[in-house]
Amino acid sequence: MASKLVIIIVFILDLIAVGLAIAAEQRRSVGKVVPDKEKVYEYCEYGSDIATSYGAGAFVLLLTTQVIIMLASKCFCCGKALSPGGSRACAIILFLICWVFFLIAEICLLAASIRNAYHTKYRKMWNVDEPPSCEVIRKGVFATGASFALFTAIVSQFYYVCYSRARDDYKNPPY
């Protein structure tokens, strides 16, 4: 039987991670060009940088839940053998899908957080022909991370339940 405590803790942490990623998408930095007082040069002025913290928080929480699930299931490859059958086959497939979704979510959240934290200060100074722009991350990067974090949450829960069922079948064979 799957541990209800593990399922509840992982579900709550995953839900918070998805919420933080959605909040990061809503609060991502936006830059605008502002001239200085003497109108000698222009610089980029950015809004609040809270989206970086939200994205980093979602990254850490998603990583924590993945570690909890992998420790609870002994990362599928350690520990005693599992009973052959449908539960083990499902656990193997869900294990692989879970890792793919997890890696995509983590890459999106980390890249978006890093790019959101980078700010160009001076846009035009000393008559530069091609000044740096006030680039910010594209809309939807944090949202992509949030959606894959949600997919990871769902698949990891199913993986853990299938793994536990296959482990219990090995301990208590049906014959």
Protein backbone atom coordinates (compact mmCIF):
# COMPACT_ATOMS: atom_id res chain seq x y z
CA MET A 1 0.00 0.00 0.00
CA ALA A 2 1.32 3.41 -0.94
CA SER A 3 2.10 5.67 1.98
CA LYS A 4 -0.71 8.20 2.32
CA LEU A 5 1.65 10.61 4.07
CA VAL A 6 4.04 10.61 1.10
CA ILE A 7 1.17 11.10 -1.34
CA ILE A 8 -0.29 14.00 0.67
CA ILE A 9 3.05 15.76 1.22
CA VAL A 10 4.06 15.42 -2.42
CA PHE A 11 0.63 16.59 -3.62
CA ILE A 12 0.71 19.71 -1.42
CA LEU A 13 4.28 20.63 -2.38
CA ASP A 14 3.55 20.07 -6.08
CA LEU A 15 0.44 22.22 -5.84
CA ILE A 16 2.45 25.02 -4.23
CA ALA A 17 5.14 24.67 -6.93
CA VAL A 18 2.55 24.97 -9.70
CA GLY A 19 1.02 27.99 -7.96
CA LEU A 20 4.41 29.68 -7.65
CA ALA A 21 5.17 29.05 -11.32
CA ILE A 22 1.82 30.56 -12.34
CA ALA A 23 2.46 33.54 -10.07
CA ALA A 24 5.90 33.96 -11.64
CA GLU A 25 4.30 34.08 -15.10
CA GLN A 26 1.91 36.78 -13.90
CA ARG A 27 4.68 38.86 -12.28
CA ARG A 28 7.51 38.43 -14.81
CA SER A 29 9.71 41.49 -15.41
CA VAL A 30 8.76 44.03 -18.03
CA GLY A 31 11.32 46.59 -19.20
CA LYS A 32 10.76 50.05 -20.57
CA VAL A 33 13.20 52.63 -21.92
CA VAL A 34 13.59 55.74 -19.78
CA PRO A 35 15.84 58.75 -20.52
CA ASP A 36 17.98 60.15 -17.73
CA LYS A 37 17.42 63.67 -16.36
CA GLU A 38 20.03 65.26 -18.63
CA LYS A 39 18.75 63.26 -21.61
CA VAL A 40 22.28 62.11 -22.36
CA TYR A 41 21.52 58.43 -22.37
CA GLU A 42 18.65 56.01 -22.06
CA TYR A 43 18.40 53.11 -19.70
CA CYS A 44 16.08 50.21 -19.09
CA GLU A 45 13.78 50.38 -16.12
CA TYR A 46 12.31 47.08 -14.96
CA GLY A 47 9.38 46.28 -12.76
CA SER A 48 9.58 44.12 -9.68
CA ASP A 49 11.88 41.09 -9.71
CA ILE A 50 9.62 38.87 -7.60
CA ALA A 51 9.04 36.46 -10.52
CA THR A 52 12.63 35.21 -10.18
CA SER A 53 11.99 34.28 -6.55
CA TYR A 54 8.69 32.61 -7.42
CA GLY A 55 10.33 30.64 -10.23
CA ALA A 56 13.24 29.60 -8.03
CA GLY A 57 10.80 28.54 -5.30
CA ALA A 58 8.82 26.44 -7.75
CA PHE A 59 12.09 24.90 -8.98
CA VAL A 60 13.16 23.94 -5.45
CA LEU A 61 9.74 22.57 -4.45
CA LEU A 62 9.46 20.47 -7.60
CA LEU A 63 12.97 19.14 -7.02
CA THR A 64 12.05 18.33 -3.41
CA THR A 65 8.95 16.39 -4.41
CA GLN A 66 10.89 14.42 -7.00
CA VAL A 67 13.50 13.51 -4.38
CA ILE A 68 10.77 12.44 -1.93
CA ILE A 69 9.08 10.21 -4.52
CA MET A 70 12.40 8.69 -5.61
CA LEU A 71 13.48 8.03 -2.03
CA ALA A 72 10.11 6.50 -1.18
CA SER A 73 10.29 4.22 -4.23
CA LYS A 74 14.06 3.66 -3.90
CA CYS A 75 14.42 5.20 -7.37
CA PHE A 76 12.83 2.10 -8.85
CA CYS A 77 16.16 0.37 -9.39
CA CYS A 78 17.29 -0.20 -5.79
CA GLY A 79 15.64 -2.45 -3.28
CA LYS A 80 13.86 -5.75 -3.72
CA ALA A 81 12.51 -6.99 -7.02
CA LEU A 82 8.97 -6.15 -8.03
CA SER A 83 6.32 -8.64 -8.97
CA PRO A 84 6.04 -9.06 -12.76
CA GLY A 85 2.77 -7.89 -14.18
CA GLY A 86 0.74 -4.87 -15.12
CA SER A 87 1.62 -2.79 -12.07
CA ARG A 88 5.34 -3.15 -12.68
CA ALA A 89 4.97 -2.36 -16.39
CA CYS A 90 2.92 0.74 -15.58
CA ALA A 91 5.45 1.78 -12.94
CA ILE A 92 8.32 1.51 -15.44
CA ILE A 93 6.50 3.57 -18.07
CA LEU A 94 5.33 6.17 -15.55
CA PHE A 95 8.84 6.37 -14.06
CA LEU A 96 10.29 7.32 -17.45
CA ILE A 97 7.50 9.77 -18.28
CA CYS A 98 7.80 11.33 -14.82
CA TRP A 99 11.50 12.01 -15.34
CA VAL A 100 10.96 13.50 -18.79
CA PHE A 101 8.24 15.86 -17.53
CA PHE A 102 10.34 16.72 -14.47
CA LEU A 103 13.39 17.64 -16.55
CA ILE A 104 11.34 19.80 -18.93
CA ALA A 105 9.67 21.61 -16.02
CA GLU A 106 12.95 22.19 -14.22
CA ILE A 107 14.69 23.47 -17.36
CA CYS A 108 11.83 25.90 -18.05
CA LEU A 109 11.70 27.18 -14.48
CA LEU A 110 15.46 27.54 -14.12
CA ALA A 111 15.98 29.20 -17.50
CA ALA A 112 13.06 31.58 -16.95
CA SER A 113 14.26 32.51 -13.47
CA ILE A 114 17.79 33.20 -14.67
CA ARG A 115 16.65 35.18 -17.69
CA ASN A 116 14.13 37.11 -15.60
CA ALA A 117 16.88 38.10 -13.16
CA TYR A 118 19.15 39.44 -15.93
CA HIS A 119 18.58 43.11 -16.58
CA THR A 120 20.36 45.36 -19.04
CA LYS A 121 21.05 48.69 -17.42
CA TYR A 122 22.23 51.09 -20.09
CA ARG A 123 20.53 51.12 -23.44
CA LYS A 124 22.21 53.99 -25.24
CA MET A 125 25.39 55.63 -24.11
CA TRP A 126 28.28 57.27 -25.92
CA ASN A 127 26.47 57.18 -29.29
CA VAL A 128 26.47 53.43 -29.67
CA ASP A 129 24.81 52.42 -32.94
CA GLU A 130 23.34 49.16 -31.68
CA PRO A 131 22.54 49.54 -28.01
CA PRO A 132 21.51 46.56 -25.91
CA SER A 133 17.77 46.07 -25.73
CA CYS A 134 15.50 45.81 -22.72
CA GLU A 135 14.84 42.14 -23.40
CA VAL A 136 12.86 40.09 -20.97
CA ILE A 137 11.77 36.47 -21.08
CA ARG A 138 9.11 35.47 -23.52
CA LYS A 139 5.58 35.25 -22.32
CA GLY A 140 4.67 31.69 -21.41
CA VAL A 141 8.01 30.25 -20.27
CA PHE A 142 6.98 30.16 -16.62
CA ALA A 143 3.55 28.90 -17.71
CA THR A 144 5.20 26.05 -19.61
CA GLY A 145 7.17 25.21 -16.49
CA ALA A 146 3.95 25.30 -14.48
CA SER A 147 2.12 22.99 -16.86
CA PHE A 148 4.96 20.46 -16.92
CA ALA A 149 5.20 20.72 -13.12
CA LEU A 150 1.50 19.81 -13.00
CA PHE A 151 2.08 16.89 -15.40
CA THR A 152 5.00 15.76 -13.22
CA ALA A 153 2.81 15.93 -10.12
CA ILE A 154 0.10 13.78 -11.67
CA VAL A 155 2.43 11.21 -13.24
CA SER A 156 4.63 10.91 -10.14
CA GLN A 157 1.57 10.18 -7.99
CA PHE A 158 0.45 7.43 -10.37
CA TYR A 159 4.01 6.11 -10.56
CA TYR A 160 4.25 5.84 -6.78
CA VAL A 161 0.91 4.06 -6.50
CA CYS A 162 1.80 1.58 -9.28
CA TYR A 163 5.23 1.02 -7.77
CA SER A 164 3.70 0.37 -4.34
CA ARG A 165 1.16 -2.02 -5.80
CA ALA A 166 3.90 -4.00 -7.61
CA ARG A 167 6.01 -4.03 -4.43
CA ASP A 168 3.06 -5.26 -2.33
CA ASP A 169 2.24 -7.96 -4.89
CA TYR A 170 5.80 -9.24 -4.56
CA LYS A 171 5.50 -9.43 -0.77
CA ASN A 172 2.07 -11.08 -0.92
CA PRO A 173 1.88 -13.20 -4.10
CA PRO A 174 -1.66 -14.00 -5.28
CA TYR A 175 -1.03 -17.79 -5.35
